[in-house]
Protein backbone atom coordinates (compact mmCIF):
# COMPACT_ATOMS: atom_id res chain seq x y z
CA UNK A 1 322.90 181.61 82.45
CA UNK A 2 319.13 181.89 82.07
CA UNK A 3 317.39 179.90 79.36
CA UNK A 4 315.09 181.79 77.05
CA UNK A 5 311.68 180.12 76.38
CA UNK A 6 309.66 181.01 73.28
CA UNK A 7 306.10 180.91 74.63
CA UNK A 8 304.64 181.44 71.17
CA UNK A 9 306.11 178.22 69.87
CA UNK A 10 304.93 176.36 72.93
CA UNK A 11 301.39 177.63 72.47
CA UNK A 12 301.31 176.68 68.81
CA UNK A 13 302.61 173.24 69.63
CA UNK A 14 299.91 172.66 72.28
CA UNK A 15 297.16 173.90 69.95
CA UNK A 16 298.34 171.68 67.11
CA UNK A 17 298.55 168.67 69.36
CA UNK A 18 295.04 169.23 70.71
CA UNK A 19 293.63 169.56 67.19
CA UNK A 20 295.29 166.34 66.14
CA UNK A 21 293.93 164.52 69.17
CA UNK A 22 290.37 165.74 68.47
CA UNK A 23 290.61 164.77 64.81
CA UNK A 24 291.96 161.36 65.73
CA UNK A 25 289.13 160.79 68.21
CA UNK A 26 286.54 161.83 65.63
CA UNK A 27 288.09 159.58 63.01
CA UNK A 28 288.24 156.72 65.43
CA UNK A 29 284.58 157.15 66.39
CA UNK A 30 283.50 157.40 62.76
CA UNK A 31 285.56 154.37 61.86
CA UNK A 32 283.96 152.36 64.63
CA UNK A 33 280.48 153.46 63.42
CA UNK A 34 279.96 150.59 61.00
CA UNK A 35 277.36 151.48 58.36
CA UNK A 36 276.30 147.85 58.12
CA UNK A 37 274.50 148.20 61.45
CA UNK A 38 272.07 150.86 60.12
CA UNK A 39 269.30 151.20 57.60
CA UNK A 40 268.18 154.38 55.88
CA UNK A 41 264.63 155.61 55.46
CA UNK A 42 263.00 158.72 54.04
CA UNK A 43 260.38 160.90 55.68
CA UNK A 44 258.41 163.71 54.00
CA UNK A 45 257.02 166.38 56.33
CA UNK A 46 254.56 169.03 55.13
CA UNK A 47 254.91 171.31 58.15
CA UNK A 48 257.58 173.56 59.60
CA UNK A 49 260.58 171.68 61.07
CA UNK A 50 261.91 174.71 62.91
CA UNK A 51 264.24 173.43 65.67
CA UNK A 52 265.14 170.21 63.83
CA UNK A 53 268.78 169.97 62.70
CA UNK A 54 271.00 167.28 61.19
CA UNK A 55 272.21 164.76 63.76
CA UNK A 56 268.94 165.25 65.66
CA UNK A 57 267.77 162.19 67.56
CA UNK A 58 265.41 159.59 66.13
CA UNK A 59 263.41 157.72 68.77
CA UNK A 60 261.36 154.55 68.50
CA UNK A 61 258.63 154.62 71.16
CA UNK A 62 260.88 156.89 73.23
CA UNK A 63 264.12 154.88 72.73
CA UNK A 64 267.07 156.35 70.78
CA UNK A 65 267.53 154.26 67.64
CA UNK A 66 269.27 156.63 65.22
CA UNK A 67 269.62 160.16 63.95
CA UNK A 68 268.59 162.53 61.19
CA UNK A 69 271.28 162.20 58.55
CA UNK A 70 270.18 164.93 56.14
CA UNK A 71 267.52 167.61 55.67
CA UNK A 72 266.49 169.20 52.38
CA UNK A 73 263.51 170.48 50.43
CA UNK A 74 261.73 167.74 48.50
CA UNK A 75 262.87 168.26 44.89
CA UNK A 76 259.53 166.93 43.62
CA UNK A 77 257.31 168.98 45.96
CA UNK A 78 258.40 172.30 47.38
CA UNK A 79 255.71 172.13 50.09
CA UNK A 80 257.46 169.19 51.75
CA UNK A 81 260.76 168.71 53.59
CA UNK A 82 262.69 165.52 52.88
CA UNK A 83 264.47 163.85 55.79
CA UNK A 84 266.84 160.91 55.56
CA UNK A 85 266.88 158.89 58.77
CA UNK A 86 269.69 156.62 59.85
CA UNK A 87 268.17 153.95 62.07
CA UNK A 88 269.64 150.91 63.76
CA UNK A 89 269.19 147.74 61.74
CA UNK A 90 267.39 145.78 64.46
CA UNK A 91 264.69 148.44 64.90
CA UNK A 92 261.32 146.94 63.80
CA UNK A 93 260.04 149.55 61.35
CA UNK A 94 256.73 148.18 60.07
CA UNK A 95 254.49 149.13 57.16
CA UNK A 96 252.02 150.89 59.48
CA UNK A 97 254.68 152.76 61.48
CA UNK A 98 254.46 156.57 61.42
CA UNK A 99 257.00 159.34 62.03
CA UNK A 100 256.07 162.46 64.01
CA UNK A 101 257.93 165.68 64.73
CA UNK A 102 258.17 166.20 68.50
CA UNK A 103 259.96 168.52 70.91
CA UNK A 104 261.73 168.18 74.22
CA UNK A 105 259.30 170.19 76.34
CA UNK A 106 257.33 173.03 74.78
CA UNK A 107 260.15 174.98 73.14
CA UNK A 108 263.01 172.47 73.35
CA UNK A 109 264.99 170.78 70.59
CA UNK A 110 263.09 168.87 67.95
CA UNK A 111 263.44 165.16 67.23
CA UNK A 112 261.69 162.46 65.21
CA UNK A 113 259.46 159.99 67.05
CA UNK A 114 258.54 156.72 65.28
CA UNK A 115 255.43 154.84 66.30
CA UNK A 116 255.95 151.07 66.28
CA UNK A 117 252.64 150.14 64.64
CA UNK A 118 250.93 146.78 64.95
CA UNK A 119 253.20 143.91 65.92
CA UNK A 120 251.52 141.65 63.36
CA UNK A 121 252.18 144.02 60.46
CA UNK A 122 255.02 143.12 58.07
CA UNK A 123 258.39 144.85 58.34
CA UNK A 124 259.16 147.68 55.94
CA UNK A 125 261.77 146.76 53.32
CA UNK A 126 264.40 149.36 52.41
CA UNK A 127 267.72 149.46 50.55
CA UNK A 128 270.50 151.97 49.88
CA UNK A 129 269.34 152.40 46.29
CA UNK A 130 265.61 152.59 47.03
CA UNK A 131 264.89 154.07 50.44
CA UNK A 132 261.55 153.17 51.99
CA UNK A 133 259.31 156.09 52.97
CA UNK A 134 257.88 156.16 56.49
CA UNK A 135 254.45 157.87 56.55
CA UNK A 136 254.13 160.91 58.79
CA UNK A 137 251.52 161.93 61.33
CA UNK A 138 250.84 165.57 62.22
CA UNK A 139 252.73 166.90 65.20
CA UNK A 140 251.05 168.21 68.33
CA UNK A 141 251.74 171.79 67.29
CA UNK A 142 250.15 171.22 63.88
CA UNK A 143 247.10 169.55 65.43
CA UNK A 144 246.72 172.44 67.85
CA UNK A 145 247.11 174.92 65.02
CA UNK A 146 244.48 173.15 62.90
CA UNK A 147 242.11 172.87 65.87
CA UNK A 148 242.55 176.53 66.79
CA UNK A 149 242.01 177.54 63.19
CA UNK A 150 238.78 175.53 63.06
CA UNK A 151 237.61 176.97 66.37
CA UNK A 152 238.40 180.52 65.28
CA UNK A 153 236.57 179.99 61.99
CA UNK A 154 233.49 178.66 63.79
CA UNK A 155 233.63 181.50 66.34
CA UNK A 156 233.83 184.00 63.52
CA UNK A 157 230.77 182.48 61.84
CA UNK A 158 228.95 182.40 65.17
CA UNK A 159 229.71 186.07 65.77
CA UNK A 160 228.49 186.91 62.27
CA UNK A 161 225.23 185.06 62.90
CA UNK A 162 224.90 186.71 66.30
CA UNK A 163 225.37 190.14 64.79
CA UNK A 164 222.77 189.31 62.15
CA UNK A 165 220.33 188.13 64.82
CA UNK A 166 220.97 191.13 67.07
CA UNK A 167 220.26 193.65 64.36
CA UNK A 168 218.30 196.78 65.22
CA UNK A 169 215.17 195.42 63.58
CA UNK A 170 215.33 192.08 65.41
CA UNK A 171 216.09 193.82 68.70
CA UNK A 172 213.04 196.03 68.26
CA UNK A 173 210.87 193.03 67.38
CA UNK A 174 212.15 191.16 70.42
CA UNK A 175 211.33 194.11 72.68
CA UNK A 176 207.84 194.30 71.18
CA UNK A 177 207.38 190.57 71.78
CA UNK A 178 208.36 190.98 75.43
CA UNK A 179 205.84 193.79 75.83
CA UNK A 180 203.12 191.67 74.22
CA UNK A 181 203.94 188.77 76.54
CA UNK A 182 203.76 191.08 79.52
CA UNK A 183 200.30 192.35 78.48
CA UNK A 184 199.13 188.79 77.83
CA UNK A 185 200.36 187.68 81.25
CA UNK A 186 198.51 190.54 82.93
CA UNK A 187 195.30 189.64 81.11
CA UNK A 188 195.63 186.00 82.05
CA UNK A 189 196.11 186.99 85.68
CA UNK A 190 192.96 189.14 85.51
CA UNK A 191 190.96 186.10 84.33
CA UNK A 192 192.41 183.79 86.97
CA UNK A 193 189.08 183.40 88.81
CA UNK A 194 187.25 182.56 85.58
CA UNK A 195 189.94 180.05 84.66
CA UNK A 196 189.63 178.36 88.06
CA UNK A 197 185.84 178.22 87.67
CA UNK A 198 186.20 176.77 84.17
CA UNK A 199 188.52 174.08 85.46
CA UNK A 200 186.11 173.20 88.26
CA UNK A 201 183.20 173.04 85.79
CA UNK A 202 185.28 170.82 83.52
CA UNK A 203 185.93 168.45 86.40
CA UNK A 204 182.21 168.43 87.31
CA UNK A 205 181.27 167.84 83.67
CA UNK A 206 183.61 164.89 83.54
CA UNK A 207 182.01 163.43 86.65
CA UNK A 208 178.52 163.95 85.18
CA UNK A 209 179.58 162.19 82.00
CA UNK A 210 180.83 159.25 84.04
CA UNK A 211 177.50 159.04 85.89
CA UNK A 212 175.57 159.34 82.61
CA UNK A 213 177.58 156.48 81.14
CA UNK A 214 176.71 154.36 84.17
CA UNK A 215 173.01 155.20 83.71
CA UNK A 216 173.22 154.33 80.02
CA UNK A 217 174.62 150.96 80.99
CA UNK A 218 171.79 150.42 83.47
CA UNK A 219 169.22 151.49 80.84
CA UNK A 220 170.66 149.03 78.34
CA UNK A 221 170.34 146.26 80.91
CA UNK A 222 166.75 147.34 81.62
CA UNK A 223 165.85 147.35 77.91
CA UNK A 224 167.29 143.87 77.49
CA UNK A 225 165.30 142.65 80.49
CA UNK A 226 162.12 144.26 79.07
CA UNK A 227 162.61 142.54 75.72
CA UNK A 228 163.00 139.22 77.46
CA UNK A 229 159.79 139.89 79.41
CA UNK A 230 158.02 140.86 76.17
CA UNK A 231 158.99 137.59 74.56
CA UNK A 232 157.79 135.57 77.56
CA UNK A 233 154.49 137.51 77.79
CA UNK A 234 153.69 137.15 74.11
CA UNK A 235 154.46 133.47 74.34
CA UNK A 236 152.23 133.04 77.40
CA UNK A 237 149.29 134.98 75.88
CA UNK A 238 149.35 133.80 72.31
CA UNK A 239 150.52 130.23 72.78
CA UNK A 240 147.13 128.90 74.10
CA UNK A 241 145.25 130.80 71.39
CA UNK A 242 147.47 129.44 68.66
CA UNK A 243 147.16 125.92 70.05
CA UNK A 244 143.35 126.24 70.09
CA UNK A 245 143.37 127.54 66.53
CA UNK A 246 145.60 124.66 65.46
CA UNK A 247 143.24 122.14 67.09
CA UNK A 248 140.22 123.72 65.38
CA UNK A 249 141.96 123.57 62.03
CA UNK A 250 142.76 119.90 62.52
CA UNK A 251 139.16 119.05 63.45
CA UNK A 252 137.82 120.97 60.44
CA UNK A 253 140.21 119.12 58.14
CA UNK A 254 139.12 115.83 59.68
CA UNK A 255 135.45 116.67 59.09
CA UNK A 256 136.09 117.51 55.45
CA UNK A 257 138.04 114.29 54.99
CA UNK A 258 135.15 112.33 56.56
CA UNK A 259 132.61 113.86 54.17
CA UNK A 260 134.88 113.20 51.19
CA UNK A 261 135.39 109.60 52.27
CA UNK A 262 131.66 109.01 52.62
CA UNK A 263 131.05 110.40 49.18
CA UNK A 264 133.69 108.08 47.70
CA UNK A 265 132.12 105.00 49.37
CA UNK A 266 128.81 105.87 47.82
CA UNK A 267 127.08 106.88 51.00
CA UNK A 268 124.51 109.18 49.52
CA UNK A 269 122.54 109.57 52.69
CA UNK A 270 122.97 113.31 52.48
CA UNK A 271 120.65 114.05 55.32
CA UNK A 272 122.55 111.88 57.79
CA UNK A 273 125.89 113.19 56.61
CA UNK A 274 124.73 116.78 56.54
CA UNK A 275 123.18 116.54 59.99
CA UNK A 276 126.29 115.09 61.59
CA UNK A 277 128.59 117.43 59.67
CA UNK A 278 126.47 120.42 60.52
CA UNK A 279 126.76 119.67 64.24
CA UNK A 280 130.53 119.30 64.05
CA UNK A 281 130.88 122.36 61.85
CA UNK A 282 128.86 124.43 64.31
CA UNK A 283 131.27 123.34 67.06
CA UNK A 284 134.22 124.44 64.92
CA UNK A 285 132.59 127.80 64.22
CA UNK A 286 131.95 128.38 67.91
CA UNK A 287 135.59 127.61 68.72
CA UNK A 288 136.69 129.94 65.91
CA UNK A 289 134.57 132.77 67.35
CA UNK A 290 136.06 132.14 70.80
CA UNK A 291 139.59 132.23 69.31
CA UNK A 292 138.75 135.41 67.40
CA UNK A 293 137.41 137.08 70.56
CA UNK A 294 140.58 136.20 72.52
CA UNK A 295 142.82 137.64 69.82
CA UNK A 296 140.71 140.83 69.66
CA UNK A 297 140.98 141.23 73.45
CA UNK A 298 144.77 140.75 73.30
CA UNK A 299 145.22 143.29 70.50
CA UNK A 300 142.94 145.79 72.25
CA UNK A 301 144.99 145.55 75.45
CA UNK A 302 148.16 146.16 73.43
CA UNK A 303 146.67 149.27 71.79
CA UNK A 304 145.41 150.73 75.07
CA UNK A 305 148.51 150.08 77.18
CA UNK A 306 151.53 148.64 75.37
CA UNK A 307 153.66 149.05 78.51
CA UNK A 308 151.51 146.56 80.38
CA UNK A 309 152.72 143.91 78.02
CA UNK A 310 156.36 144.60 79.13
CA UNK A 311 156.08 145.65 82.76
CA UNK A 312 152.70 144.47 84.11
CA UNK A 313 152.84 141.21 85.99
CA UNK A 314 149.92 138.83 85.63
CA UNK A 315 148.02 137.98 88.80
CA UNK A 316 148.33 134.36 89.85
CA UNK A 317 145.16 132.26 89.75
CA UNK A 318 143.69 131.96 93.24
CA UNK A 319 142.73 128.58 94.55
CA UNK A 320 139.48 127.71 96.31
CA UNK A 321 138.91 129.74 99.46
CA UNK A 322 141.70 132.28 98.65
């Protein structure tokens, strides 16, 4: 007798048993996931989170430390997305830590990367009733997008300026300028010989000026020497005359004092006094005439040849038999 097997019932039994085993494993894993070992934080992102899903990984400097528990639009700001992160309790989230949206590869799954911040910064305090907010930093894609937008804007402005510069009027003016420069260059080339001659003359003029300055220096030295000679000559010629005049003046004064003294003593022998005084006075007059003649000779020589006073050397007095 062959036994009849109901394969439908067997299949249902196997399916039910498998479902129960999966549910039990899930419950067991969830039960073992003690909430006391985690802390919750909020993150607000103002860019697209395409590719990021609940249960996505949260990494701290590249190490898995938790997951994204929930994703929703920020009820207070529709331009932001609110994320609730479930992070292991021992993870050092500090006040200067930042959260960034990153991707596995270029187009891979998205995850949240937390930067550790400075080790000396205080830890961020959070609670189940008041979740701390981790500041965000722009993702690589957002930075590239902003940079490209800036570059495109600048390129657009540059093209606008270029188009304005390369207008028909400016192009025509530029062409005219090139033609003018060409004509000017040709004219300069035609005067090349004259330019070379001018440069040579300039060099020669500079040399002449240098020589003239040297001559001026020599002339100044010569003038100084001539002035010194003039002083010496005048001293040599006039000094004896002045000494003679001074001696004559002294003798005349002495004679007058002698006459005055005789008159005070009561010597009224006028003939004797007059005779003696007349002789001495005649001597003084003769010396005065000699002095006057010497001065007239000196002045006459200066009028006739002033240069002799500066440059003419006096002949030395010759001795006997010379």
